[in-house]
Amino acid sequence: MNEFMSEFISGVLLGLSLIVAIGAQNAFVIRQGVKKNYISYVISICILSDILLMSLGIFGVGNLIAINSSFLKIFTLLGIGFLLFYSFNCFRTAFSKKNNALTVTDDTDGHTVNDLAIKMPKKRVILLTLGVTYLNPHVYLDTLFLVGSIAANMNQQEKLVFLSGASFGSFLWFMLIGYGVRLILPIFQKPLTWKIFDITIGFLMIFIAVKLATDSSIWQ
């Protein structure tokens, strides 16, 4: 039970750490959440897409990697390297002088406007959500390659628990930024918030990399 709980928590932490860093998808979700513009559709697509892609990574790519011990070691090393590189970028962003505060009301000319009342039709919202989700190459690196390599050495039960944890982390995050963003928008607009987020994510990535590196069953 403790082992399964550990895998579940690892899945939650990994799921959160991969998606918390603000990007095109998160910015889009936050904007629609602020506007209350078909946000239930947006959140559902994001969560279901995460579950689908992570499932392919865990039970597809992960199984292929696990077939050959050499592949397992190579992809584990690549996964550790990716995690450390991801962590380095988080720390670099956190301590850079660039203002990382969230801006959700910039128009195409760079002027700040109050566009909360401007809403898109449902079809366009759905298409844009699919676009920012599936046309981002990083999502495939994260969900197929990284998640798959981490899960490669797990048995089927552990993979299911790990997937459940990662899916729960995705569910928590998108529900938070989709439905709760109006309540916490002032927090998101502070650079210090993103500095704390980036530092936290950086340490989480290091923690997962160390856990992978010290898993003796991989190097046997």
N, C-alpha and C. Protein backbone atom coordinates (compact mmCIF):
# COMPACT_ATOMS: atom_id res chain seq x y z
N MET A 1 0.83 -1.20 0.00
CA MET A 1 0.00 0.00 0.00
C MET A 1 0.87 1.26 0.00
N ASN A 2 1.92 1.26 0.84
CA ASN A 2 2.82 2.41 0.91
C ASN A 2 3.52 2.64 -0.43
N GLU A 3 3.87 1.50 -1.10
CA GLU A 3 4.55 1.60 -2.39
C GLU A 3 3.62 2.22 -3.42
N PHE A 4 2.35 1.80 -3.43
CA PHE A 4 1.39 2.35 -4.37
C PHE A 4 1.12 3.83 -4.07
N MET A 5 1.06 4.17 -2.79
CA MET A 5 0.85 5.57 -2.43
C MET A 5 2.03 6.43 -2.90
N SER A 6 3.23 5.88 -2.80
CA SER A 6 4.42 6.58 -3.27
C SER A 6 4.34 6.85 -4.77
N GLU A 7 3.89 5.83 -5.53
CA GLU A 7 3.76 6.00 -6.98
C GLU A 7 2.66 7.01 -7.31
N PHE A 8 1.58 6.99 -6.52
CA PHE A 8 0.48 7.93 -6.75
C PHE A 8 0.96 9.37 -6.52
N ILE A 9 1.67 9.58 -5.40
CA ILE A 9 2.18 10.92 -5.09
C ILE A 9 3.19 11.36 -6.13
N SER A 10 4.05 10.43 -6.58
CA SER A 10 5.02 10.76 -7.63
C SER A 10 4.31 11.19 -8.90
N GLY A 11 3.21 10.48 -9.22
CA GLY A 11 2.43 10.84 -10.40
C GLY A 11 1.80 12.21 -10.26
N VAL A 12 1.25 12.51 -9.07
CA VAL A 12 0.65 13.83 -8.83
C VAL A 12 1.69 14.93 -8.99
N LEU A 13 2.85 14.75 -8.36
CA LEU A 13 3.91 15.76 -8.42
C LEU A 13 4.41 15.96 -9.84
N LEU A 14 4.59 14.85 -10.55
CA LEU A 14 5.07 14.97 -11.93
C LEU A 14 4.03 15.65 -12.81
N GLY A 15 2.77 15.22 -12.67
CA GLY A 15 1.70 15.81 -13.46
C GLY A 15 1.60 17.30 -13.24
N LEU A 16 1.69 17.72 -11.98
CA LEU A 16 1.61 19.15 -11.66
C LEU A 16 2.83 19.90 -12.18
N SER A 17 4.02 19.33 -11.94
CA SER A 17 5.24 20.04 -12.29
C SER A 17 5.38 20.24 -13.80
N LEU A 18 4.82 19.32 -14.59
CA LEU A 18 4.93 19.44 -16.04
C LEU A 18 3.99 20.49 -16.62
N ILE A 19 2.87 20.74 -15.93
CA ILE A 19 1.87 21.64 -16.52
C ILE A 19 1.75 22.98 -15.79
N VAL A 20 2.32 23.08 -14.57
CA VAL A 20 2.18 24.33 -13.83
C VAL A 20 2.91 25.48 -14.52
N ALA A 21 4.09 25.18 -15.12
CA ALA A 21 4.84 26.24 -15.80
C ALA A 21 3.95 26.86 -16.87
N ILE A 22 3.80 28.17 -16.81
CA ILE A 22 2.86 28.84 -17.70
C ILE A 22 3.31 28.68 -19.15
N GLY A 23 2.36 28.40 -20.02
CA GLY A 23 2.63 28.22 -21.43
C GLY A 23 1.40 28.60 -22.23
N ALA A 24 1.42 28.30 -23.52
CA ALA A 24 0.31 28.69 -24.38
C ALA A 24 -1.00 28.08 -23.91
N GLN A 25 -0.96 26.80 -23.55
CA GLN A 25 -2.19 26.13 -23.11
C GLN A 25 -2.74 26.73 -21.82
N ASN A 26 -1.86 26.88 -20.83
CA ASN A 26 -2.30 27.43 -19.54
C ASN A 26 -2.78 28.87 -19.68
N ALA A 27 -2.07 29.67 -20.47
CA ALA A 27 -2.49 31.05 -20.67
C ALA A 27 -3.87 31.11 -21.32
N PHE A 28 -4.11 30.21 -22.27
CA PHE A 28 -5.41 30.16 -22.94
C PHE A 28 -6.51 29.77 -21.95
N VAL A 29 -6.24 28.75 -21.12
CA VAL A 29 -7.23 28.30 -20.13
C VAL A 29 -7.53 29.43 -19.14
N ILE A 30 -6.50 30.11 -18.68
CA ILE A 30 -6.69 31.21 -17.72
C ILE A 30 -7.53 32.32 -18.35
N ARG A 31 -7.23 32.65 -19.59
CA ARG A 31 -7.98 33.72 -20.26
C ARG A 31 -9.46 33.35 -20.37
N GLN A 32 -9.75 32.11 -20.77
CA GLN A 32 -11.15 31.70 -20.89
C GLN A 32 -11.82 31.59 -19.52
N GLY A 33 -11.03 31.24 -18.50
CA GLY A 33 -11.57 31.19 -17.15
C GLY A 33 -11.96 32.56 -16.64
N VAL A 34 -11.12 33.55 -16.94
CA VAL A 34 -11.42 34.92 -16.54
C VAL A 34 -12.70 35.40 -17.22
N LYS A 35 -12.86 35.04 -18.49
CA LYS A 35 -14.03 35.47 -19.25
C LYS A 35 -15.27 34.59 -19.00
N LYS A 36 -15.08 33.42 -18.37
CA LYS A 36 -16.15 32.42 -18.22
C LYS A 36 -16.70 32.04 -19.60
N ASN A 37 -15.78 31.81 -20.52
CA ASN A 37 -16.12 31.55 -21.92
C ASN A 37 -16.00 30.06 -22.23
N TYR A 38 -17.10 29.31 -22.08
CA TYR A 38 -17.11 27.86 -22.33
C TYR A 38 -15.97 27.15 -21.61
N ILE A 39 -15.71 27.57 -20.38
CA ILE A 39 -14.55 27.05 -19.66
C ILE A 39 -14.66 25.57 -19.35
N SER A 40 -15.90 25.07 -19.19
CA SER A 40 -16.07 23.63 -18.91
C SER A 40 -15.58 22.78 -20.09
N TYR A 41 -15.81 23.26 -21.32
CA TYR A 41 -15.32 22.55 -22.51
C TYR A 41 -13.80 22.58 -22.54
N VAL A 42 -13.25 23.75 -22.26
CA VAL A 42 -11.79 23.93 -22.29
C VAL A 42 -11.10 23.00 -21.29
N ILE A 43 -11.60 23.00 -20.07
CA ILE A 43 -11.00 22.17 -19.02
C ILE A 43 -11.12 20.69 -19.36
N SER A 44 -12.29 20.27 -19.83
CA SER A 44 -12.51 18.86 -20.15
C SER A 44 -11.56 18.38 -21.23
N ILE A 45 -11.38 19.20 -22.28
CA ILE A 45 -10.46 18.82 -23.36
C ILE A 45 -9.03 18.70 -22.85
N CYS A 46 -8.60 19.64 -22.02
CA CYS A 46 -7.23 19.62 -21.50
C CYS A 46 -6.97 18.41 -20.62
N ILE A 47 -7.90 18.12 -19.72
CA ILE A 47 -7.73 16.99 -18.80
C ILE A 47 -7.75 15.67 -19.56
N LEU A 48 -8.73 15.48 -20.44
CA LEU A 48 -8.84 14.23 -21.19
C LEU A 48 -7.65 14.04 -22.12
N SER A 49 -7.14 15.14 -22.69
CA SER A 49 -5.96 15.04 -23.56
C SER A 49 -4.74 14.62 -22.75
N ASP A 50 -4.57 15.17 -21.56
CA ASP A 50 -3.46 14.77 -20.70
C ASP A 50 -3.53 13.29 -20.36
N ILE A 51 -4.72 12.82 -20.00
CA ILE A 51 -4.89 11.41 -19.65
C ILE A 51 -4.57 10.52 -20.84
N LEU A 52 -5.06 10.91 -22.03
CA LEU A 52 -4.80 10.13 -23.25
C LEU A 52 -3.32 10.06 -23.56
N LEU A 53 -2.65 11.21 -23.57
CA LEU A 53 -1.24 11.25 -23.94
C LEU A 53 -0.36 10.56 -22.90
N MET A 54 -0.67 10.75 -21.61
CA MET A 54 0.11 10.08 -20.57
C MET A 54 -0.12 8.57 -20.60
N SER A 55 -1.32 8.14 -20.93
CA SER A 55 -1.59 6.71 -21.07
C SER A 55 -0.76 6.11 -22.20
N LEU A 56 -0.69 6.82 -23.33
CA LEU A 56 0.14 6.36 -24.44
C LEU A 56 1.61 6.31 -24.04
N GLY A 57 2.04 7.30 -23.25
CA GLY A 57 3.42 7.32 -22.80
C GLY A 57 3.73 6.18 -21.84
N ILE A 58 2.84 5.96 -20.88
CA ILE A 58 3.07 4.95 -19.84
C ILE A 58 2.93 3.53 -20.37
N PHE A 59 1.87 3.27 -21.14
CA PHE A 59 1.58 1.91 -21.59
C PHE A 59 2.05 1.63 -23.01
N GLY A 60 2.48 2.67 -23.72
CA GLY A 60 2.99 2.49 -25.07
C GLY A 60 4.49 2.64 -25.10
N VAL A 61 4.96 3.87 -24.99
CA VAL A 61 6.39 4.15 -25.01
C VAL A 61 7.10 3.46 -23.85
N GLY A 62 6.47 3.51 -22.67
CA GLY A 62 7.08 2.88 -21.48
C GLY A 62 7.29 1.40 -21.66
N ASN A 63 6.31 0.72 -22.25
CA ASN A 63 6.43 -0.73 -22.48
C ASN A 63 7.52 -1.03 -23.50
N LEU A 64 7.61 -0.22 -24.54
CA LEU A 64 8.65 -0.43 -25.55
C LEU A 64 10.05 -0.26 -24.95
N ILE A 65 10.19 0.74 -24.10
CA ILE A 65 11.48 0.97 -23.45
C ILE A 65 11.84 -0.18 -22.52
N ALA A 66 10.82 -0.72 -21.81
CA ALA A 66 11.07 -1.77 -20.82
C ALA A 66 11.45 -3.10 -21.45
N ILE A 67 11.13 -3.30 -22.74
CA ILE A 67 11.43 -4.56 -23.39
C ILE A 67 12.93 -4.83 -23.42
N ASN A 68 13.70 -3.79 -23.62
CA ASN A 68 15.15 -3.93 -23.74
C ASN A 68 15.83 -3.16 -22.61
N SER A 69 16.64 -3.84 -21.83
CA SER A 69 17.29 -3.20 -20.68
C SER A 69 18.21 -2.06 -21.10
N SER A 70 18.83 -2.20 -22.28
CA SER A 70 19.69 -1.12 -22.77
C SER A 70 18.88 0.12 -23.08
N PHE A 71 17.71 -0.09 -23.72
CA PHE A 71 16.81 1.03 -23.99
C PHE A 71 16.38 1.70 -22.70
N LEU A 72 16.08 0.86 -21.70
CA LEU A 72 15.64 1.39 -20.42
C LEU A 72 16.69 2.31 -19.82
N LYS A 73 17.94 1.85 -19.83
CA LYS A 73 19.02 2.65 -19.26
C LYS A 73 19.25 3.94 -20.05
N ILE A 74 19.24 3.82 -21.39
CA ILE A 74 19.47 4.99 -22.24
C ILE A 74 18.37 6.03 -22.03
N PHE A 75 17.12 5.58 -22.08
CA PHE A 75 16.01 6.52 -21.93
C PHE A 75 15.91 7.07 -20.51
N THR A 76 16.34 6.27 -19.54
CA THR A 76 16.37 6.78 -18.17
C THR A 76 17.39 7.91 -18.04
N LEU A 77 18.57 7.71 -18.63
CA LEU A 77 19.60 8.75 -18.62
C LEU A 77 19.11 10.01 -19.35
N LEU A 78 18.44 9.80 -20.49
CA LEU A 78 17.89 10.94 -21.23
C LEU A 78 16.81 11.64 -20.41
N GLY A 79 16.00 10.85 -19.72
CA GLY A 79 14.95 11.42 -18.87
C GLY A 79 15.54 12.24 -17.74
N ILE A 80 16.60 11.72 -17.11
CA ILE A 80 17.27 12.44 -16.02
C ILE A 80 17.85 13.75 -16.56
N GLY A 81 18.49 13.66 -17.73
CA GLY A 81 19.06 14.86 -18.34
C GLY A 81 17.99 15.90 -18.66
N PHE A 82 16.84 15.44 -19.18
CA PHE A 82 15.74 16.35 -19.49
C PHE A 82 15.20 17.01 -18.23
N LEU A 83 15.05 16.22 -17.16
CA LEU A 83 14.55 16.75 -15.89
C LEU A 83 15.49 17.82 -15.34
N LEU A 84 16.79 17.55 -15.39
CA LEU A 84 17.77 18.51 -14.88
C LEU A 84 17.80 19.78 -15.74
N PHE A 85 17.68 19.60 -17.07
CA PHE A 85 17.63 20.75 -17.96
C PHE A 85 16.37 21.58 -17.70
N TYR A 86 15.25 20.89 -17.50
CA TYR A 86 13.98 21.55 -17.18
C TYR A 86 14.13 22.33 -15.88
N SER A 87 14.77 21.69 -14.89
CA SER A 87 14.99 22.32 -13.59
C SER A 87 15.86 23.57 -13.74
N PHE A 88 16.93 23.45 -14.53
CA PHE A 88 17.83 24.59 -14.75
C PHE A 88 17.07 25.77 -15.36
N ASN A 89 16.21 25.48 -16.34
CA ASN A 89 15.43 26.55 -16.97
C ASN A 89 14.47 27.21 -15.98
N CYS A 90 13.91 26.39 -15.07
CA CYS A 90 13.01 26.94 -14.06
C CYS A 90 13.75 27.91 -13.14
N PHE A 91 14.93 27.50 -12.68
CA PHE A 91 15.72 28.37 -11.81
C PHE A 91 16.19 29.62 -12.55
N ARG A 92 16.57 29.44 -13.82
CA ARG A 92 17.02 30.60 -14.61
C ARG A 92 15.88 31.61 -14.78
N THR A 93 14.68 31.11 -15.05
CA THR A 93 13.52 31.99 -15.19
C THR A 93 13.20 32.68 -13.86
N ALA A 94 13.28 31.89 -12.78
CA ALA A 94 12.93 32.43 -11.46
C ALA A 94 13.84 33.58 -11.05
N PHE A 95 15.12 33.50 -11.41
CA PHE A 95 16.08 34.51 -10.95
C PHE A 95 16.47 35.51 -12.05
N SER A 96 15.75 35.46 -13.18
CA SER A 96 15.98 36.46 -14.21
C SER A 96 15.26 37.74 -13.84
N LYS A 97 15.62 38.82 -14.48
CA LYS A 97 15.01 40.11 -14.19
C LYS A 97 13.72 40.32 -14.97
N LYS A 98 13.39 39.36 -15.83
CA LYS A 98 12.18 39.49 -16.65
C LYS A 98 10.95 39.39 -15.77
N ASN A 99 9.98 40.24 -16.01
CA ASN A 99 8.72 40.24 -15.26
C ASN A 99 7.86 39.09 -15.76
N ASN A 100 7.61 38.10 -14.90
CA ASN A 100 6.83 36.93 -15.30
C ASN A 100 5.37 37.02 -14.88
N ALA A 101 4.93 38.18 -14.46
CA ALA A 101 3.54 38.31 -14.04
C ALA A 101 2.61 38.02 -15.20
N LEU A 102 1.49 37.38 -14.89
CA LEU A 102 0.53 37.01 -15.91
C LEU A 102 -0.23 38.22 -16.40
N THR A 103 -0.28 38.39 -17.71
CA THR A 103 -1.08 39.44 -18.32
C THR A 103 -2.11 38.78 -19.22
N VAL A 104 -3.37 39.01 -18.94
CA VAL A 104 -4.42 38.35 -19.72
C VAL A 104 -5.22 39.33 -20.56
N THR A 105 -4.80 40.58 -20.61
CA THR A 105 -5.61 41.57 -21.31
C THR A 105 -4.80 42.41 -22.28
N ASP A 106 -3.77 41.83 -22.88
CA ASP A 106 -3.00 42.55 -23.88
C ASP A 106 -3.60 42.34 -25.26
N ASP A 107 -3.80 43.41 -26.01
CA ASP A 107 -4.29 43.25 -27.37
C ASP A 107 -3.12 43.10 -28.32
N THR A 108 -3.42 42.96 -29.61
CA THR A 108 -2.36 42.68 -30.59
C THR A 108 -1.40 43.84 -30.74
N ASP A 109 -1.79 45.03 -30.34
CA ASP A 109 -0.90 46.20 -30.44
C ASP A 109 -0.08 46.42 -29.19
N GLY A 110 -0.22 45.50 -28.21
CA GLY A 110 0.56 45.63 -26.99
C GLY A 110 -0.06 46.53 -25.96
N HIS A 111 -1.28 47.01 -26.20
CA HIS A 111 -1.94 47.87 -25.24
C HIS A 111 -2.82 47.04 -24.31
N THR A 112 -2.91 47.48 -23.07
CA THR A 112 -3.75 46.78 -22.11
C THR A 112 -5.20 47.22 -22.29
N VAL A 113 -6.07 46.23 -22.47
CA VAL A 113 -7.48 46.52 -22.69
C VAL A 113 -8.31 45.64 -21.78
N ASN A 114 -9.52 46.07 -21.50
CA ASN A 114 -10.44 45.27 -20.70
C ASN A 114 -11.29 44.44 -21.65
N ASP A 115 -10.85 43.18 -21.89
CA ASP A 115 -11.54 42.36 -22.87
C ASP A 115 -12.36 41.25 -22.22
N LEU A 116 -12.72 41.42 -20.95
CA LEU A 116 -13.46 40.37 -20.25
C LEU A 116 -14.82 40.12 -20.89
N ALA A 117 -15.37 41.13 -21.55
CA ALA A 117 -16.70 40.97 -22.13
C ALA A 117 -16.65 40.38 -23.54
N ILE A 118 -15.45 40.29 -24.12
CA ILE A 118 -15.32 39.79 -25.48
C ILE A 118 -15.19 38.26 -25.44
N LYS A 119 -16.17 37.57 -25.99
CA LYS A 119 -16.19 36.11 -25.93
C LYS A 119 -16.21 35.52 -27.33
N MET A 120 -15.57 34.35 -27.46
CA MET A 120 -15.54 33.66 -28.74
C MET A 120 -16.67 32.64 -28.81
N PRO A 121 -17.09 32.26 -30.02
CA PRO A 121 -18.10 31.21 -30.16
C PRO A 121 -17.54 29.86 -29.70
N LYS A 122 -18.44 28.96 -29.34
CA LYS A 122 -18.03 27.67 -28.78
C LYS A 122 -17.13 26.88 -29.72
N LYS A 123 -17.47 26.84 -31.00
CA LYS A 123 -16.67 26.06 -31.96
C LYS A 123 -15.24 26.55 -32.00
N ARG A 124 -15.05 27.86 -32.01
CA ARG A 124 -13.71 28.42 -32.07
C ARG A 124 -12.95 28.12 -30.79
N VAL A 125 -13.62 28.21 -29.65
CA VAL A 125 -12.97 27.91 -28.37
C VAL A 125 -12.47 26.47 -28.36
N ILE A 126 -13.31 25.54 -28.83
CA ILE A 126 -12.92 24.13 -28.85
C ILE A 126 -11.74 23.90 -29.78
N LEU A 127 -11.79 24.49 -30.97
CA LEU A 127 -10.70 24.32 -31.93
C LEU A 127 -9.39 24.91 -31.41
N LEU A 128 -9.46 26.07 -30.79
CA LEU A 128 -8.26 26.69 -30.25
C LEU A 128 -7.69 25.88 -29.08
N THR A 129 -8.58 25.31 -28.25
CA THR A 129 -8.12 24.47 -27.15
C THR A 129 -7.38 23.24 -27.68
N LEU A 130 -7.93 22.62 -28.72
CA LEU A 130 -7.27 21.46 -29.34
C LEU A 130 -5.94 21.88 -29.95
N GLY A 131 -5.91 23.08 -30.52
CA GLY A 131 -4.68 23.56 -31.14
C GLY A 131 -3.56 23.80 -30.15
N VAL A 132 -3.85 24.53 -29.06
CA VAL A 132 -2.80 24.83 -28.08
C VAL A 132 -2.39 23.57 -27.32
N THR A 133 -3.23 22.52 -27.38
CA THR A 133 -2.89 21.27 -26.71
C THR A 133 -2.06 20.35 -27.59
N TYR A 134 -2.51 20.11 -28.82
CA TYR A 134 -1.87 19.09 -29.66
C TYR A 134 -0.84 19.64 -30.65
N LEU A 135 -0.79 20.94 -30.84
CA LEU A 135 0.20 21.51 -31.75
C LEU A 135 1.44 22.01 -31.03
N ASN A 136 1.53 21.70 -29.73
CA ASN A 136 2.69 22.08 -28.93
C ASN A 136 3.64 20.88 -28.84
N PRO A 137 4.83 20.95 -29.46
CA PRO A 137 5.74 19.79 -29.44
C PRO A 137 6.19 19.39 -28.05
N HIS A 138 6.20 20.34 -27.11
CA HIS A 138 6.66 20.03 -25.76
C HIS A 138 5.72 19.05 -25.06
N VAL A 139 4.44 19.07 -25.43
CA VAL A 139 3.49 18.18 -24.76
C VAL A 139 3.83 16.73 -25.05
N TYR A 140 4.38 16.45 -26.24
CA TYR A 140 4.73 15.08 -26.58
C TYR A 140 6.03 14.66 -25.88
N LEU A 141 6.97 15.61 -25.75
CA LEU A 141 8.18 15.31 -24.99
C LEU A 141 7.85 14.98 -23.54
N ASP A 142 6.93 15.76 -22.97
CA ASP A 142 6.58 15.58 -21.56
C ASP A 142 5.77 14.30 -21.33
N THR A 143 4.68 14.14 -22.10
CA THR A 143 3.74 13.06 -21.80
C THR A 143 4.18 11.72 -22.38
N LEU A 144 4.74 11.71 -23.57
CA LEU A 144 5.13 10.44 -24.19
C LEU A 144 6.53 10.01 -23.77
N PHE A 145 7.50 10.91 -23.96
CA PHE A 145 8.89 10.54 -23.69
C PHE A 145 9.22 10.52 -22.21
N LEU A 146 9.02 11.65 -21.52
CA LEU A 146 9.44 11.75 -20.13
C LEU A 146 8.61 10.84 -19.22
N VAL A 147 7.29 10.95 -19.30
CA VAL A 147 6.42 10.11 -18.46
C VAL A 147 6.61 8.65 -18.80
N GLY A 148 6.76 8.35 -20.09
CA GLY A 148 6.98 6.96 -20.50
C GLY A 148 8.27 6.38 -19.95
N SER A 149 9.34 7.18 -19.96
CA SER A 149 10.63 6.68 -19.46
C SER A 149 10.59 6.48 -17.95
N ILE A 150 9.89 7.36 -17.23
CA ILE A 150 9.80 7.22 -15.78
C ILE A 150 9.01 5.97 -15.40
N ALA A 151 7.97 5.66 -16.19
CA ALA A 151 7.10 4.52 -15.87
C ALA A 151 7.61 3.20 -16.44
N ALA A 152 8.68 3.25 -17.22
CA ALA A 152 9.13 2.05 -17.94
C ALA A 152 9.46 0.88 -17.02
N ASN A 153 9.97 1.15 -15.83
CA ASN A 153 10.40 0.07 -14.93
C ASN A 153 9.33 -0.34 -13.93
N MET A 154 8.12 0.18 -14.07
CA MET A 154 7.03 -0.15 -13.15
C MET A 154 6.25 -1.35 -13.67
N ASN A 155 5.64 -2.10 -12.74
CA ASN A 155 4.74 -3.16 -13.18
C ASN A 155 3.39 -2.54 -13.54
N GLN A 156 2.46 -3.37 -14.03
CA GLN A 156 1.19 -2.85 -14.54
C GLN A 156 0.38 -2.13 -13.46
N GLN A 157 0.36 -2.68 -12.26
CA GLN A 157 -0.39 -2.05 -11.17
C GLN A 157 0.22 -0.70 -10.79
N GLU A 158 1.54 -0.67 -10.72
CA GLU A 158 2.21 0.59 -10.39
C GLU A 158 1.98 1.63 -11.47
N LYS A 159 1.95 1.21 -12.72
CA LYS A 159 1.69 2.14 -13.82
C LYS A 159 0.29 2.73 -13.72
N LEU A 160 -0.69 1.89 -13.36
CA LEU A 160 -2.06 2.38 -13.21
C LEU A 160 -2.15 3.41 -12.08
N VAL A 161 -1.46 3.12 -10.98
CA VAL A 161 -1.47 4.05 -9.84
C VAL A 161 -0.75 5.34 -10.21
N PHE A 162 0.38 5.22 -10.91
CA PHE A 162 1.15 6.37 -11.34
C PHE A 162 0.33 7.24 -12.30
N LEU A 163 -0.36 6.60 -13.24
CA LEU A 163 -1.23 7.32 -14.18
C LEU A 163 -2.37 8.01 -13.44
N SER A 164 -2.94 7.33 -12.45
CA SER A 164 -4.02 7.93 -11.66
C SER A 164 -3.53 9.20 -10.95
N GLY A 165 -2.32 9.12 -10.39
CA GLY A 165 -1.76 10.29 -9.70
C GLY A 165 -1.50 11.44 -10.66
N ALA A 166 -0.89 11.13 -11.81
CA ALA A 166 -0.59 12.17 -12.80
C ALA A 166 -1.89 12.80 -13.33
N SER A 167 -2.90 11.96 -13.54
CA SER A 167 -4.20 12.46 -14.03
C SER A 167 -4.86 13.33 -12.97
N PHE A 168 -4.73 12.93 -11.71
CA PHE A 168 -5.31 13.73 -10.63
C PHE A 168 -4.63 15.09 -10.54
N GLY A 169 -3.30 15.10 -10.73
CA GLY A 169 -2.56 16.36 -10.72
C GLY A 169 -3.03 17.27 -11.85
N SER A 170 -3.24 16.70 -13.03
CA SER A 170 -3.74 17.47 -14.17
C SER A 170 -5.14 18.01 -13.87
N PHE A 171 -5.99 17.17 -13.30
CA PHE A 171 -7.35 17.57 -12.94
C PHE A 171 -7.34 18.75 -11.96
N LEU A 172 -6.51 18.65 -10.91
CA LEU A 172 -6.42 19.71 -9.92
C LEU A 172 -6.00 21.03 -10.54
N TRP A 173 -4.96 20.98 -11.39
CA TRP A 173 -4.42 22.21 -11.94
C TRP A 173 -5.42 22.91 -12.87
N PHE A 174 -6.00 22.15 -13.79
CA PHE A 174 -6.91 22.78 -14.75
C PHE A 174 -8.20 23.26 -14.10
N MET A 175 -8.65 22.55 -13.07
CA MET A 175 -9.82 23.03 -12.32
C MET A 175 -9.48 24.33 -11.60
N LEU A 176 -8.26 24.39 -11.06
CA LEU A 176 -7.83 25.60 -10.34
C LEU A 176 -7.76 26.80 -11.26
N ILE A 177 -7.04 26.66 -12.38
CA ILE A 177 -6.84 27.82 -13.24
C ILE A 177 -8.08 28.14 -14.07
N GLY A 178 -8.94 27.13 -14.28
CA GLY A 178 -10.14 27.36 -15.06
C GLY A 178 -11.26 28.02 -14.27
N TYR A 179 -11.56 27.43 -13.10
CA TYR A 179 -12.68 27.91 -12.30
C TYR A 179 -12.25 28.87 -11.18
N GLY A 180 -11.01 28.73 -10.73
CA GLY A 180 -10.59 29.53 -9.58
C GLY A 180 -9.80 30.77 -9.92
N VAL A 181 -9.49 30.95 -11.22
CA VAL A 181 -8.59 32.04 -11.59
C VAL A 181 -9.16 33.42 -11.26
N ARG A 182 -10.47 33.58 -11.33
CA ARG A 182 -11.05 34.89 -11.01
C ARG A 182 -10.81 35.26 -9.54
N LEU A 183 -10.73 34.24 -8.69
CA LEU A 183 -10.53 34.50 -7.26
C LEU A 183 -9.07 34.80 -6.95
N ILE A 184 -8.16 34.17 -7.71
CA ILE A 184 -6.74 34.30 -7.39
C ILE A 184 -5.97 35.09 -8.46
N LEU A 185 -6.70 35.77 -9.35
CA LEU A 185 -6.04 36.53 -10.41
C LEU A 185 -5.02 37.54 -9.88
N PRO A 186 -5.32 38.27 -8.78
CA PRO A 186 -4.31 39.21 -8.25
C PRO A 186 -3.00 38.52 -7.88
N ILE A 187 -3.09 37.27 -7.42
CA ILE A 187 -1.88 36.51 -7.07
C ILE A 187 -1.09 36.17 -8.33
N PHE A 188 -1.80 35.76 -9.39
CA PHE A 188 -1.15 35.39 -10.65
C PHE A 188 -0.47 36.59 -11.30
N GLN A 189 -0.90 37.79 -10.98
CA GLN A 189 -0.33 38.97 -11.60
C GLN A 189 0.93 39.47 -10.90
N LYS A 190 1.36 38.79 -9.85
CA LYS A 190 2.55 39.19 -9.12
C LYS A 190 3.76 38.37 -9.58
N PRO A 191 4.86 39.03 -9.96
CA PRO A 191 6.06 38.29 -10.37
C PRO A 191 6.56 37.32 -9.29
N LEU A 192 6.40 37.68 -8.01
CA LEU A 192 6.88 36.83 -6.93
C LEU A 192 6.19 35.47 -6.95
N THR A 193 4.91 35.44 -7.34
CA THR A 193 4.18 34.17 -7.41
C THR A 193 4.85 33.22 -8.38
N TRP A 194 5.20 33.73 -9.56
CA TRP A 194 5.83 32.88 -10.57
C TRP A 194 7.26 32.51 -10.19
N LYS A 195 7.93 33.39 -9.46
CA LYS A 195 9.27 33.06 -8.97
C LYS A 195 9.20 31.85 -8.03
N ILE A 196 8.22 31.88 -7.11
CA ILE A 196 8.04 30.77 -6.16
C ILE A 196 7.66 29.49 -6.91
N PHE A 197 6.75 29.64 -7.90
CA PHE A 197 6.35 28.49 -8.70
C PHE A 197 7.54 27.86 -9.40
N ASP A 198 8.33 28.70 -10.08
CA ASP A 198 9.47 28.19 -10.84
C ASP A 198 10.49 27.49 -9.94
N ILE A 199 10.77 28.09 -8.78
CA ILE A 199 11.73 27.47 -7.85
C ILE A 199 11.19 26.14 -7.35
N THR A 200 9.90 26.09 -7.01
CA THR A 200 9.29 24.85 -6.53
C THR A 200 9.36 23.76 -7.60
N ILE A 201 9.01 24.12 -8.83
CA ILE A 201 9.05 23.15 -9.93
C ILE A 201 10.48 22.67 -10.16
N GLY A 202 11.44 23.59 -10.07
CA GLY A 202 12.83 23.21 -10.26
C GLY A 202 13.28 22.16 -9.26
N PHE A 203 12.91 22.35 -7.99
CA PHE A 203 13.28 21.36 -6.97
C PHE A 203 12.53 20.04 -7.16
N LEU A 204 11.28 20.11 -7.59
CA LEU A 204 10.52 18.88 -7.86
C LEU A 204 11.18 18.06 -8.96
N MET A 205 11.64 18.74 -10.01
CA MET A 205 12.31 18.06 -11.10
C MET A 205 13.61 17.40 -10.64
N ILE A 206 14.35 18.10 -9.79
CA ILE A 206 15.59 17.52 -9.25
C ILE A 206 15.26 16.30 -8.40
N PHE A 207 14.21 16.39 -7.58
CA PHE A 207 13.79 15.27 -6.74
C PHE A 207 13.46 14.04 -7.59
N ILE A 208 12.70 14.24 -8.68
CA ILE A 208 12.34 13.11 -9.54
C ILE A 208 13.56 12.55 -10.25
N ALA A 209 14.49 13.43 -10.66
CA ALA A 209 15.71 12.98 -11.32
C ALA A 209 16.57 12.14 -10.38
N VAL A 210 16.69 12.57 -9.13
CA VAL A 210 17.46 11.82 -8.13
C VAL A 210 16.80 10.47 -7.86
N LYS A 211 15.48 10.46 -7.80
CA LYS A 211 14.76 9.21 -7.57
C LYS A 211 15.03 8.22 -8.70
N LEU A 212 15.03 8.72 -9.93
CA LEU A 212 15.33 7.87 -11.08
C LEU A 212 16.77 7.36 -11.02
N ALA A 213 17.68 8.27 -10.71
CA ALA A 213 19.11 7.93 -10.72
C ALA A 213 19.47 6.91 -9.63
N THR A 214 18.72 6.89 -8.54
CA THR A 214 19.02 6.00 -7.42
C THR A 214 18.18 4.73 -7.42
N ASP A 215 17.40 4.52 -8.48
CA ASP A 215 16.59 3.29 -8.59
C ASP A 215 17.50 2.16 -9.06
N SER A 216 17.93 1.34 -8.12
CA SER A 216 18.92 0.29 -8.43
C SER A 216 18.41 -0.73 -9.43
N SER A 217 17.08 -0.94 -9.49
CA SER A 217 16.53 -1.95 -10.38
C SER A 217 16.75 -1.57 -11.85
N ILE A 218 16.94 -0.31 -12.14
CA ILE A 218 17.15 0.12 -13.52
C ILE A 218 18.54 -0.22 -13.99
N TRP A 219 19.52 -0.18 -13.08
CA TRP A 219 20.92 -0.31 -13.49
C TRP A 219 21.47 -1.73 -13.34
N GLN A 220 20.60 -2.67 -12.99
CA GLN A 220 21.07 -4.05 -12.82
C GLN A 220 21.38 -4.70 -14.16
